[in-house]
Full PDB file with SEQRES, HELIX, SHEET, SSBOND, CRYST1, ORIGX, SCALE, CONECT and MASTER records, all heavy atoms in Angstrom:
SEQRES   1 A   42  CYS ARG LYS PHE SER TYR ALA ALA SER VAL GLY THR VAL          
SEQRES   2 A   42  LYS PRO ALA LYS GLN LYS THR MET LEU GLY TYR LEU LYS          
SEQRES   3 A   42  ASP LEU ASP ALA VAL SER ILE ARG GLU LYS VAL ASP TRP          
SEQRES   4 A   42  ILE ASP ASP                                                  
HELIX    1 AA1 PRO A   15  LYS A   26  1                                  12    
HELIX    2 AA2 ASP A   38  ASP A   41  1                                   4    
CRYST1    1.000    1.000    1.000  90.00  90.00  90.00 P 1           1          
ORIGX1      1.000000  0.000000  0.000000        0.00000                         
ORIGX2      0.000000  1.000000  0.000000        0.00000                         
ORIGX3      0.000000  0.000000  1.000000        0.00000                         
SCALE1      1.000000  0.000000  0.000000        0.00000                         
SCALE2      0.000000  1.000000  0.000000        0.00000                         
SCALE3      0.000000  0.000000  1.000000        0.00000                         
ATOM      1  N   CYS A   1     104.156  74.695  94.067  1.00  0.00           N  
ATOM      2  CA  CYS A   1     102.869  74.366  94.688  1.00  0.00           C  
ATOM      3  C   CYS A   1     102.126  75.684  94.795  1.00  0.00           C  
ATOM      4  O   CYS A   1     102.637  76.758  95.317  1.00  0.00           O  
ATOM      5  CB  CYS A   1     103.074  73.788  96.114  1.00  0.00           C  
ATOM      6  SG  CYS A   1     101.533  73.455  96.966  1.00  0.00           S  
ATOM      7  N   ARG A   2     100.752  75.707  94.435  1.00  0.00           N  
ATOM      8  CA  ARG A   2      99.932  76.824  94.626  1.00  0.00           C  
ATOM      9  C   ARG A   2      99.496  76.862  96.060  1.00  0.00           C  
ATOM     10  O   ARG A   2      99.001  75.856  96.571  1.00  0.00           O  
ATOM     11  CB  ARG A   2      98.697  76.763  93.818  1.00  0.00           C  
ATOM     12  CG  ARG A   2      98.939  76.916  92.341  1.00  0.00           C  
ATOM     13  CD  ARG A   2      99.164  78.384  91.897  1.00  0.00           C  
ATOM     14  NE  ARG A   2      98.080  79.168  92.022  1.00  0.00           N  
ATOM     15  CZ  ARG A   2      98.135  80.546  91.900  1.00  0.00           C  
ATOM     16  NH1 ARG A   2      99.250  81.160  91.585  1.00  0.00           N  
ATOM     17  NH2 ARG A   2      96.977  81.312  92.059  1.00  0.00           N  
ATOM     18  N   LYS A   3      99.713  77.937  96.824  1.00  0.00           N  
ATOM     19  CA  LYS A   3      99.401  77.975  98.199  1.00  0.00           C  
ATOM     20  C   LYS A   3      98.612  79.315  98.511  1.00  0.00           C  
ATOM     21  O   LYS A   3      98.939  80.422  98.104  1.00  0.00           O  
ATOM     22  CB  LYS A   3     100.730  77.914  99.067  1.00  0.00           C  
ATOM     23  CG  LYS A   3     101.767  78.947  98.626  1.00  0.00           C  
ATOM     24  CD  LYS A   3     103.042  78.678  99.566  1.00  0.00           C  
ATOM     25  CE  LYS A   3     104.101  79.754  99.150  1.00  0.00           C  
ATOM     26  NZ  LYS A   3     105.254  79.643 100.160  1.00  0.00           N  
ATOM     27  N   PHE A   4      97.517  79.129  99.263  1.00  0.00           N  
ATOM     28  CA  PHE A   4      96.670  80.258  99.476  1.00  0.00           C  
ATOM     29  C   PHE A   4      95.816  79.954 100.822  1.00  0.00           C  
ATOM     30  O   PHE A   4      95.668  78.840 101.262  1.00  0.00           O  
ATOM     31  CB  PHE A   4      95.755  80.528  98.380  1.00  0.00           C  
ATOM     32  CG  PHE A   4      95.071  79.384  97.762  1.00  0.00           C  
ATOM     33  CD1 PHE A   4      93.826  79.002  98.123  1.00  0.00           C  
ATOM     34  CD2 PHE A   4      95.691  78.596  96.731  1.00  0.00           C  
ATOM     35  CE1 PHE A   4      93.213  77.867  97.477  1.00  0.00           C  
ATOM     36  CE2 PHE A   4      95.102  77.532  96.167  1.00  0.00           C  
ATOM     37  CZ  PHE A   4      93.883  77.093  96.528  1.00  0.00           C  
ATOM     38  N   SER A   5      95.350  81.037 101.348  1.00  0.00           N  
ATOM     39  CA  SER A   5      94.588  80.926 102.549  1.00  0.00           C  
ATOM     40  C   SER A   5      93.014  80.943 102.201  1.00  0.00           C  
ATOM     41  O   SER A   5      92.666  81.393 101.166  1.00  0.00           O  
ATOM     42  CB  SER A   5      94.865  82.082 103.617  1.00  0.00           C  
ATOM     43  OG  SER A   5      94.520  83.312 103.001  1.00  0.00           O  
ATOM     44  N   TYR A   6      92.195  80.550 103.262  1.00  0.00           N  
ATOM     45  CA  TYR A   6      90.769  80.682 103.054  1.00  0.00           C  
ATOM     46  C   TYR A   6      90.215  81.131 104.443  1.00  0.00           C  
ATOM     47  O   TYR A   6      90.191  80.347 105.390  1.00  0.00           O  
ATOM     48  CB  TYR A   6      90.026  79.528 102.521  1.00  0.00           C  
ATOM     49  CG  TYR A   6      88.537  79.740 102.389  1.00  0.00           C  
ATOM     50  CD1 TYR A   6      88.096  80.581 101.419  1.00  0.00           C  
ATOM     51  CD2 TYR A   6      87.676  79.410 103.462  1.00  0.00           C  
ATOM     52  CE1 TYR A   6      86.789  80.965 101.305  1.00  0.00           C  
ATOM     53  CE2 TYR A   6      86.281  79.803 103.405  1.00  0.00           C  
ATOM     54  CZ  TYR A   6      85.880  80.511 102.384  1.00  0.00           C  
ATOM     55  OH  TYR A   6      84.540  80.934 102.322  1.00  0.00           O  
ATOM     56  N   ALA A   7      89.651  82.271 104.531  1.00  0.00           N  
ATOM     57  CA  ALA A   7      88.909  82.822 105.647  1.00  0.00           C  
ATOM     58  C   ALA A   7      89.595  82.502 106.978  1.00  0.00           C  
ATOM     59  O   ALA A   7      89.019  82.184 107.928  1.00  0.00           O  
ATOM     60  CB  ALA A   7      87.499  82.198 105.699  1.00  0.00           C  
ATOM     61  N   ALA A   8      90.868  82.770 106.996  1.00  0.00           N  
ATOM     62  CA  ALA A   8      91.639  82.629 108.309  1.00  0.00           C  
ATOM     63  C   ALA A   8      91.236  83.747 109.205  1.00  0.00           C  
ATOM     64  O   ALA A   8      91.124  84.845 108.813  1.00  0.00           O  
ATOM     65  CB  ALA A   8      93.112  82.624 107.874  1.00  0.00           C  
ATOM     66  N   SER A   9      91.178  83.401 110.476  1.00  0.00           N  
ATOM     67  CA  SER A   9      90.991  84.439 111.498  1.00  0.00           C  
ATOM     68  C   SER A   9      92.380  84.779 112.110  1.00  0.00           C  
ATOM     69  O   SER A   9      93.234  83.946 112.306  1.00  0.00           O  
ATOM     70  CB  SER A   9      90.081  83.949 112.594  1.00  0.00           C  
ATOM     71  OG  SER A   9      88.771  84.289 112.359  1.00  0.00           O  
ATOM     72  N   VAL A  10      92.567  86.068 112.441  1.00  0.00           N  
ATOM     73  CA  VAL A  10      93.881  86.591 112.874  1.00  0.00           C  
ATOM     74  C   VAL A  10      94.041  86.729 114.429  1.00  0.00           C  
ATOM     75  O   VAL A  10      95.032  86.352 114.979  1.00  0.00           O  
ATOM     76  CB  VAL A  10      94.128  87.886 112.175  1.00  0.00           C  
ATOM     77  CG1 VAL A  10      95.504  88.431 112.608  1.00  0.00           C  
ATOM     78  CG2 VAL A  10      94.100  87.716 110.627  1.00  0.00           C  
ATOM     79  N   GLY A  11      93.037  87.270 115.039  1.00  0.00           N  
ATOM     80  CA  GLY A  11      93.181  87.654 116.416  1.00  0.00           C  
ATOM     81  C   GLY A  11      93.985  88.887 116.625  1.00  0.00           C  
ATOM     82  O   GLY A  11      94.255  89.622 115.697  1.00  0.00           O  
ATOM     83  N   THR A  12      94.523  89.042 117.774  1.00  0.00           N  
ATOM     84  CA  THR A  12      95.434  90.186 118.080  1.00  0.00           C  
ATOM     85  C   THR A  12      96.845  89.878 117.873  1.00  0.00           C  
ATOM     86  O   THR A  12      97.393  88.937 118.499  1.00  0.00           O  
ATOM     87  CB  THR A  12      95.149  90.695 119.569  1.00  0.00           C  
ATOM     88  OG1 THR A  12      93.748  90.969 119.733  1.00  0.00           O  
ATOM     89  CG2 THR A  12      95.957  91.920 119.864  1.00  0.00           C  
ATOM     90  N   VAL A  13      97.540  90.700 117.004  1.00  0.00           N  
ATOM     91  CA  VAL A  13      98.952  90.510 116.689  1.00  0.00           C  
ATOM     92  C   VAL A  13      99.675  91.721 117.081  1.00  0.00           C  
ATOM     93  O   VAL A  13      99.264  92.841 116.585  1.00  0.00           O  
ATOM     94  CB  VAL A  13      99.087  90.200 115.245  1.00  0.00           C  
ATOM     95  CG1 VAL A  13     100.678  89.972 114.945  1.00  0.00           C  
ATOM     96  CG2 VAL A  13      98.413  88.926 114.765  1.00  0.00           C  
ATOM     97  N   LYS A  14     100.600  91.771 117.967  1.00  0.00           N  
ATOM     98  CA  LYS A  14     101.359  92.855 118.408  1.00  0.00           C  
ATOM     99  C   LYS A  14     102.107  93.447 117.300  1.00  0.00           C  
ATOM    100  O   LYS A  14     102.531  92.722 116.397  1.00  0.00           O  
ATOM    101  CB  LYS A  14     102.309  92.452 119.537  1.00  0.00           C  
ATOM    102  CG  LYS A  14     101.566  91.994 120.844  1.00  0.00           C  
ATOM    103  CD  LYS A  14     102.635  91.672 121.919  1.00  0.00           C  
ATOM    104  CE  LYS A  14     101.889  91.199 123.196  1.00  0.00           C  
ATOM    105  NZ  LYS A  14     102.803  90.880 124.237  1.00  0.00           N  
ATOM    106  N   PRO A  15     102.270  94.777 117.300  1.00  0.00           N  
ATOM    107  CA  PRO A  15     102.978  95.482 116.212  1.00  0.00           C  
ATOM    108  C   PRO A  15     104.352  94.913 115.868  1.00  0.00           C  
ATOM    109  O   PRO A  15     104.674  94.891 114.664  1.00  0.00           O  
ATOM    110  CB  PRO A  15     103.078  96.931 116.772  1.00  0.00           C  
ATOM    111  CG  PRO A  15     101.902  97.130 117.610  1.00  0.00           C  
ATOM    112  CD  PRO A  15     101.727  95.723 118.296  1.00  0.00           C  
ATOM    113  N   ALA A  16     105.042  94.439 116.810  1.00  0.00           N  
ATOM    114  CA  ALA A  16     106.369  93.887 116.618  1.00  0.00           C  
ATOM    115  C   ALA A  16     106.345  92.648 115.665  1.00  0.00           C  
ATOM    116  O   ALA A  16     107.275  92.306 115.004  1.00  0.00           O  
ATOM    117  CB  ALA A  16     107.099  93.552 117.873  1.00  0.00           C  
ATOM    118  N   LYS A  17     105.196  91.907 115.767  1.00  0.00           N  
ATOM    119  CA  LYS A  17     105.023  90.707 115.002  1.00  0.00           C  
ATOM    120  C   LYS A  17     104.212  90.920 113.643  1.00  0.00           C  
ATOM    121  O   LYS A  17     104.216  89.992 112.809  1.00  0.00           O  
ATOM    122  CB  LYS A  17     104.264  89.600 115.743  1.00  0.00           C  
ATOM    123  CG  LYS A  17     105.034  89.118 116.958  1.00  0.00           C  
ATOM    124  CD  LYS A  17     106.213  88.265 116.581  1.00  0.00           C  
ATOM    125  CE  LYS A  17     106.948  87.698 117.774  1.00  0.00           C  
ATOM    126  NZ  LYS A  17     108.109  86.911 117.291  1.00  0.00           N  
ATOM    127  N   GLN A  18     103.634  92.064 113.493  1.00  0.00           N  
ATOM    128  CA  GLN A  18     102.945  92.307 112.255  1.00  0.00           C  
ATOM    129  C   GLN A  18     103.705  92.326 111.013  1.00  0.00           C  
ATOM    130  O   GLN A  18     103.314  91.801 109.967  1.00  0.00           O  
ATOM    131  CB  GLN A  18     102.155  93.675 112.372  1.00  0.00           C  
ATOM    132  CG  GLN A  18     101.025  93.590 113.395  1.00  0.00           C  
ATOM    133  CD  GLN A  18     100.304  94.974 113.585  1.00  0.00           C  
ATOM    134  OE1 GLN A  18     100.577  95.947 112.811  1.00  0.00           O  
ATOM    135  NE2 GLN A  18      99.405  94.995 114.606  1.00  0.00           N  
ATOM    136  N   LYS A  19     104.887  92.858 111.050  1.00  0.00           N  
ATOM    137  CA  LYS A  19     105.797  92.886 109.873  1.00  0.00           C  
ATOM    138  C   LYS A  19     106.127  91.399 109.545  1.00  0.00           C  
ATOM    139  O   LYS A  19     106.190  91.114 108.324  1.00  0.00           O  
ATOM    140  CB  LYS A  19     107.116  93.696 110.215  1.00  0.00           C  
ATOM    141  CG  LYS A  19     108.031  93.865 109.063  1.00  0.00           C  
ATOM    142  CD  LYS A  19     109.280  94.817 109.441  1.00  0.00           C  
ATOM    143  CE  LYS A  19     110.192  94.861 108.223  1.00  0.00           C  
ATOM    144  NZ  LYS A  19     111.300  95.680 108.509  1.00  0.00           N  
ATOM    145  N   THR A  20     106.496  90.602 110.549  1.00  0.00           N  
ATOM    146  CA  THR A  20     106.850  89.167 110.186  1.00  0.00           C  
ATOM    147  C   THR A  20     105.587  88.525 109.518  1.00  0.00           C  
ATOM    148  O   THR A  20     105.798  87.843 108.563  1.00  0.00           O  
ATOM    149  CB  THR A  20     107.175  88.446 111.538  1.00  0.00           C  
ATOM    150  OG1 THR A  20     108.228  89.059 112.201  1.00  0.00           O  
ATOM    151  CG2 THR A  20     107.458  86.992 111.248  1.00  0.00           C  
ATOM    152  N   MET A  21     104.427  88.734 110.097  1.00  0.00           N  
ATOM    153  CA  MET A  21     103.268  88.092 109.453  1.00  0.00           C  
ATOM    154  C   MET A  21     102.996  88.551 108.119  1.00  0.00           C  
ATOM    155  O   MET A  21     102.551  87.754 107.175  1.00  0.00           O  
ATOM    156  CB  MET A  21     102.060  88.316 110.440  1.00  0.00           C  
ATOM    157  CG  MET A  21     100.838  87.637 109.924  1.00  0.00           C  
ATOM    158  SD  MET A  21      99.484  87.630 111.143  1.00  0.00           S  
ATOM    159  CE  MET A  21      98.120  87.273 110.163  1.00  0.00           C  
ATOM    160  N   LEU A  22     103.158  89.815 107.883  1.00  0.00           N  
ATOM    161  CA  LEU A  22     102.958  90.346 106.471  1.00  0.00           C  
ATOM    162  C   LEU A  22     103.856  89.757 105.494  1.00  0.00           C  
ATOM    163  O   LEU A  22     103.550  89.487 104.359  1.00  0.00           O  
ATOM    164  CB  LEU A  22     103.121  91.834 106.454  1.00  0.00           C  
ATOM    165  CG  LEU A  22     102.001  92.711 107.137  1.00  0.00           C  
ATOM    166  CD1 LEU A  22     102.306  94.194 107.203  1.00  0.00           C  
ATOM    167  CD2 LEU A  22     100.668  92.486 106.309  1.00  0.00           C  
ATOM    168  N   GLY A  23     105.125  89.388 105.943  1.00  0.00           N  
ATOM    169  CA  GLY A  23     106.103  88.773 105.170  1.00  0.00           C  
ATOM    170  C   GLY A  23     105.626  87.350 104.734  1.00  0.00           C  
ATOM    171  O   GLY A  23     105.702  86.971 103.548  1.00  0.00           O  
ATOM    172  N   TYR A  24     105.009  86.663 105.697  1.00  0.00           N  
ATOM    173  CA  TYR A  24     104.385  85.298 105.421  1.00  0.00           C  
ATOM    174  C   TYR A  24     103.340  85.416 104.411  1.00  0.00           C  
ATOM    175  O   TYR A  24     103.082  84.627 103.470  1.00  0.00           O  
ATOM    176  CB  TYR A  24     103.929  84.720 106.606  1.00  0.00           C  
ATOM    177  CG  TYR A  24     104.980  84.281 107.696  1.00  0.00           C  
ATOM    178  CD1 TYR A  24     104.738  84.269 109.015  1.00  0.00           C  
ATOM    179  CD2 TYR A  24     106.264  83.882 107.263  1.00  0.00           C  
ATOM    180  CE1 TYR A  24     105.614  83.862 109.926  1.00  0.00           C  
ATOM    181  CE2 TYR A  24     107.201  83.556 108.194  1.00  0.00           C  
ATOM    182  CZ  TYR A  24     106.856  83.562 109.572  1.00  0.00           C  
ATOM    183  OH  TYR A  24     107.900  83.138 110.446  1.00  0.00           O  
ATOM    184  N   LEU A  25     102.405  86.401 104.553  1.00  0.00           N  
ATOM    185  CA  LEU A  25     101.314  86.589 103.756  1.00  0.00           C  
ATOM    186  C   LEU A  25     101.711  86.991 102.230  1.00  0.00           C  
ATOM    187  O   LEU A  25     100.997  86.504 101.273  1.00  0.00           O  
ATOM    188  CB  LEU A  25     100.334  87.667 104.224  1.00  0.00           C  
ATOM    189  CG  LEU A  25      99.695  87.435 105.602  1.00  0.00           C  
ATOM    190  CD1 LEU A  25      98.757  88.556 105.986  1.00  0.00           C  
ATOM    191  CD2 LEU A  25      99.038  86.093 105.736  1.00  0.00           C  
ATOM    192  N   LYS A  26     102.736  87.774 102.079  1.00  0.00           N  
ATOM    193  CA  LYS A  26     103.220  88.136 100.745  1.00  0.00           C  
ATOM    194  C   LYS A  26     103.688  86.964 100.027  1.00  0.00           C  
ATOM    195  O   LYS A  26     103.836  86.997  98.737  1.00  0.00           O  
ATOM    196  CB  LYS A  26     104.324  89.214 100.903  1.00  0.00           C  
ATOM    197  CG  LYS A  26     103.741  90.601 101.374  1.00  0.00           C  
ATOM    198  CD  LYS A  26     104.924  91.556 101.639  1.00  0.00           C  
ATOM    199  CE  LYS A  26     104.373  92.840 102.273  1.00  0.00           C  
ATOM    200  NZ  LYS A  26     105.476  93.771 102.580  1.00  0.00           N  
ATOM    201  N   ASP A  27     104.130  85.881 100.681  1.00  0.00           N  
ATOM    202  CA  ASP A  27     104.632  84.675 100.067  1.00  0.00           C  
ATOM    203  C   ASP A  27     103.533  83.749  99.576  1.00  0.00           C  
ATOM    204  O   ASP A  27     103.725  82.748  98.861  1.00  0.00           O  
ATOM    205  CB  ASP A  27     105.538  83.926 101.067  1.00  0.00           C  
ATOM    206  CG  ASP A  27     106.512  82.953 100.360  1.00  0.00           C  
ATOM    207  OD1 ASP A  27     106.955  83.323  99.184  1.00  0.00           O  
ATOM    208  OD2 ASP A  27     106.660  81.890 100.839  1.00  0.00           O  
ATOM    209  N   LEU A  28     102.294  84.031 100.004  1.00  0.00           N  
ATOM    210  CA  LEU A  28     101.115  83.280  99.470  1.00  0.00           C  
ATOM    211  C   LEU A  28     100.660  83.703  98.097  1.00  0.00           C  
ATOM    212  O   LEU A  28     100.844  84.869  97.732  1.00  0.00           O  
ATOM    213  CB  LEU A  28      99.919  83.316 100.493  1.00  0.00           C  
ATOM    214  CG  LEU A  28     100.190  82.864 101.838  1.00  0.00           C  
ATOM    215  CD1 LEU A  28      98.994  83.139 102.768  1.00  0.00           C  
ATOM    216  CD2 LEU A  28     100.447  81.273 101.907  1.00  0.00           C  
ATOM    217  N   ASP A  29     100.032  82.844  97.431  1.00  0.00           N  
ATOM    218  CA  ASP A  29      99.611  83.124  96.029  1.00  0.00           C  
ATOM    219  C   ASP A  29      98.244  83.852  96.046  1.00  0.00           C  
ATOM    220  O   ASP A  29      97.962  84.617  95.155  1.00  0.00           O  
ATOM    221  CB  ASP A  29      99.432  81.892  95.184  1.00  0.00           C  
ATOM    222  CG  ASP A  29     100.774  81.221  94.869  1.00  0.00           C  
ATOM    223  OD1 ASP A  29     101.637  81.864  94.246  1.00  0.00           O  
ATOM    224  OD2 ASP A  29     100.883  80.018  95.181  1.00  0.00           O  
ATOM    225  N   ALA A  30      97.560  83.740  97.127  1.00  0.00           N  
ATOM    226  CA  ALA A  30      96.309  84.474  97.333  1.00  0.00           C  
ATOM    227  C   ALA A  30      95.975  84.537  98.842  1.00  0.00           C  
ATOM    228  O   ALA A  30      96.311  83.560  99.547  1.00  0.00           O  
ATOM    229  CB  ALA A  30      95.127  83.772  96.532  1.00  0.00           C  
ATOM    230  N   VAL A  31      95.358  85.579  99.229  1.00  0.00           N  
ATOM    231  CA  VAL A  31      95.084  85.799 100.663  1.00  0.00           C  
ATOM    232  C   VAL A  31      93.647  86.042 100.953  1.00  0.00           C  
ATOM    233  O   VAL A  31      93.029  86.986 100.423  1.00  0.00           O  
ATOM    234  CB  VAL A  31      95.918  86.991 101.309  1.00  0.00           C  
ATOM    235  CG1 VAL A  31      95.614  87.211 102.727  1.00  0.00           C  
ATOM    236  CG2 VAL A  31      97.415  86.756 101.103  1.00  0.00           C  
ATOM    237  N   SER A  32      93.060  85.222 101.841  1.00  0.00           N  
ATOM    238  CA  SER A  32      91.641  85.352 102.186  1.00  0.00           C  
ATOM    239  C   SER A  32      91.591  85.273 103.801  1.00  0.00           C  
ATOM    240  O   SER A  32      92.172  84.402 104.397  1.00  0.00           O  
ATOM    241  CB  SER A  32      90.758  84.247 101.642  1.00  0.00           C  
ATOM    242  OG  SER A  32      89.593  84.077 102.250  1.00  0.00           O  
ATOM    243  N   ILE A  33      90.935  86.319 104.319  1.00  0.00           N  
ATOM    244  CA  ILE A  33      90.729  86.276 105.801  1.00  0.00           C  
ATOM    245  C   ILE A  33      89.174  86.466 106.095  1.00  0.00           C  
ATOM    246  O   ILE A  33      88.414  86.776 105.173  1.00  0.00           O  
ATOM    247  CB  ILE A  33      91.495  87.444 106.479  1.00  0.00           C  
ATOM    248  CG1 ILE A  33      91.131  88.892 105.911  1.00  0.00           C  
ATOM    249  CG2 ILE A  33      93.033  87.215 106.387  1.00  0.00           C  
ATOM    250  CD1 ILE A  33      91.853  89.969 106.597  1.00  0.00           C  
ATOM    251  N   ARG A  34      88.779  86.236 107.291  1.00  0.00           N  
ATOM    252  CA  ARG A  34      87.392  86.182 107.631  1.00  0.00           C  
ATOM    253  C   ARG A  34      86.975  87.637 107.974  1.00  0.00           C  
ATOM    254  O   ARG A  34      86.019  88.192 107.342  1.00  0.00           O  
ATOM    255  CB  ARG A  34      87.101  85.346 108.747  1.00  0.00           C  
ATOM    256  CG  ARG A  34      85.560  85.027 108.886  1.00  0.00           C  
ATOM    257  CD  ARG A  34      85.273  84.274 110.184  1.00  0.00           C  
ATOM    258  NE  ARG A  34      85.960  82.897 110.030  1.00  0.00           N  
ATOM    259  CZ  ARG A  34      86.131  82.153 111.076  1.00  0.00           C  
ATOM    260  NH1 ARG A  34      85.894  82.506 112.315  1.00  0.00           N  
ATOM    261  NH2 ARG A  34      86.726  80.952 111.028  1.00  0.00           N  
ATOM    262  N   GLU A  35      87.532  88.178 109.034  1.00  0.00           N  
ATOM    263  CA  GLU A  35      87.178  89.542 109.471  1.00  0.00           C  
ATOM    264  C   GLU A  35      88.156  90.566 108.863  1.00  0.00           C  
ATOM    265  O   GLU A  35      89.283  90.260 108.471  1.00  0.00           O  
ATOM    266  CB  GLU A  35      87.244  89.608 111.020  1.00  0.00           C  
ATOM    267  CG  GLU A  35      86.368  88.649 111.696  1.00  0.00           C  
ATOM    268  CD  GLU A  35      86.957  87.337 111.992  1.00  0.00           C  
ATOM    269  OE1 GLU A  35      88.245  87.182 111.897  1.00  0.00           O  
ATOM    270  OE2 GLU A  35      86.217  86.331 112.204  1.00  0.00           O  
ATOM    271  N   LYS A  36      87.678  91.809 108.926  1.00  0.00           N  
ATOM    272  CA  LYS A  36      88.498  92.946 108.499  1.00  0.00           C  
ATOM    273  C   LYS A  36      89.636  93.187 109.483  1.00  0.00           C  
ATOM    274  O   LYS A  36      89.380  93.270 110.703  1.00  0.00           O  
ATOM    275  CB  LYS A  36      87.733  94.230 108.233  1.00  0.00           C  
ATOM    276  CG  LYS A  36      86.765  94.096 107.083  1.00  0.00           C  
ATOM    277  CD  LYS A  36      86.040  95.475 106.822  1.00  0.00           C  
ATOM    278  CE  LYS A  36      85.087  95.371 105.622  1.00  0.00           C  
ATOM    279  NZ  LYS A  36      85.811  95.027 104.417  1.00  0.00           N  
ATOM    280  N   VAL A  37      90.892  93.359 108.964  1.00  0.00           N  
ATOM    281  CA  VAL A  37      92.018  93.610 109.841  1.00  0.00           C  
ATOM    282  C   VAL A  37      92.798  94.769 109.166  1.00  0.00           C  
ATOM    283  O   VAL A  37      93.408  94.529 108.056  1.00  0.00           O  
ATOM    284  CB  VAL A  37      92.963  92.385 110.018  1.00  0.00           C  
ATOM    285  CG1 VAL A  37      94.147  92.665 110.900  1.00  0.00           C  
ATOM    286  CG2 VAL A  37      92.239  91.208 110.467  1.00  0.00           C  
ATOM    287  N   ASP A  38      92.762  95.931 109.759  1.00  0.00           N  
ATOM    288  CA  ASP A  38      93.173  97.130 109.135  1.00  0.00           C  
ATOM    289  C   ASP A  38      94.638  97.045 108.563  1.00  0.00           C  
ATOM    290  O   ASP A  38      94.940  97.441 107.471  1.00  0.00           O  
ATOM    291  CB  ASP A  38      93.062  98.371 110.042  1.00  0.00           C  
ATOM    292  CG  ASP A  38      91.603  98.782 110.235  1.00  0.00           C  
ATOM    293  OD1 ASP A  38      90.805  98.391 109.456  1.00  0.00           O  
ATOM    294  OD2 ASP A  38      91.363  99.486 111.230  1.00  0.00           O  
ATOM    295  N   TRP A  39      95.480  96.487 109.406  1.00  0.00           N  
ATOM    296  CA  TRP A  39      96.948  96.533 109.028  1.00  0.00           C  
ATOM    297  C   TRP A  39      97.170  95.534 107.989  1.00  0.00           C  
ATOM    298  O   TRP A  39      98.281  95.544 107.282  1.00  0.00           O  
ATOM    299  CB  TRP A  39      97.859  96.299 110.303  1.00  0.00           C  
ATOM    300  CG  TRP A  39      97.611  95.144 111.070  1.00  0.00           C  
ATOM    301  CD1 TRP A  39      96.711  94.987 112.020  1.00  0.00           C  
ATOM    302  CD2 TRP A  39      98.218  93.826 110.921  1.00  0.00           C  
ATOM    303  NE1 TRP A  39      96.826  93.612 112.570  1.00  0.00           N  
ATOM    304  CE2 TRP A  39      97.654  92.955 111.845  1.00  0.00           C  
ATOM    305  CE3 TRP A  39      99.305  93.357 110.061  1.00  0.00           C  
ATOM    306  CZ2 TRP A  39      98.088  91.642 111.943  1.00  0.00           C  
ATOM    307  CZ3 TRP A  39      99.645  91.986 110.211  1.00  0.00           C  
ATOM    308  CH2 TRP A  39      99.113  91.186 111.129  1.00  0.00           C  
ATOM    309  N   ILE A  40      96.362  94.523 107.740  1.00  0.00           N  
ATOM    310  CA  ILE A  40      96.454  93.639 106.609  1.00  0.00           C  
ATOM    311  C   ILE A  40      95.729  94.168 105.363  1.00  0.00           C  
ATOM    312  O   ILE A  40      96.325  94.189 104.273  1.00  0.00           O  
ATOM    313  CB  ILE A  40      95.944  92.209 106.940  1.00  0.00           C  
ATOM    314  CG1 ILE A  40      96.707  91.594 108.067  1.00  0.00           C  
ATOM    315  CG2 ILE A  40      96.016  91.287 105.714  1.00  0.00           C  
ATOM    316  CD1 ILE A  40      96.143  90.236 108.473  1.00  0.00           C  
ATOM    317  N   ASP A  41      94.523  94.715 105.524  1.00  0.00           N  
ATOM    318  CA  ASP A  41      93.761  95.227 104.504  1.00  0.00           C  
ATOM    319  C   ASP A  41      94.429  96.435 103.851  1.00  0.00           C  
ATOM    320  O   ASP A  41      94.259  96.651 102.628  1.00  0.00           O  
ATOM    321  CB  ASP A  41      92.368  95.708 104.974  1.00  0.00           C  
ATOM    322  CG  ASP A  41      91.464  94.489 105.286  1.00  0.00           C  
ATOM    323  OD1 ASP A  41      91.503  93.463 104.540  1.00  0.00           O  
ATOM    324  OD2 ASP A  41      90.863  94.446 106.327  1.00  0.00           O  
ATOM    325  N   ASP A  42      95.094  97.190 104.643  1.00  0.00           N  
ATOM    326  CA  ASP A  42      95.789  98.419 104.179  1.00  0.00           C  
ATOM    327  C   ASP A  42      97.182  98.142 103.506  1.00  0.00           C  
ATOM    328  O   ASP A  42      97.837  99.166 103.070  1.00  0.00           O  
ATOM    329  CB  ASP A  42      95.856  99.518 105.222  1.00  0.00           C  
ATOM    330  CG  ASP A  42      94.475  99.844 105.705  1.00  0.00           C  
ATOM    331  OD1 ASP A  42      93.499  99.697 104.894  1.00  0.00           O  
ATOM    332  OD2 ASP A  42      94.374 100.467 106.828  1.00  0.00           O  
TER     333      ASP A  42                                                      
MASTER        0    0    0    2    0    0    0    6  332    1    0    4          
END                                                                             
C-alpha cells in the first residue's frame, strides 16, 4: 500500500519522542507537513 502524509501539523514533541516519530516518518513513502519543524526538516 502506498502511504503518505499531507500537511500534517506536529505541535510540540519532546526530544525523547522525536526519535520515535522520525522512525514512523521514515516508513512513509512521502512526507508532507504544514509548518516548518527544524528537527524534521533537517
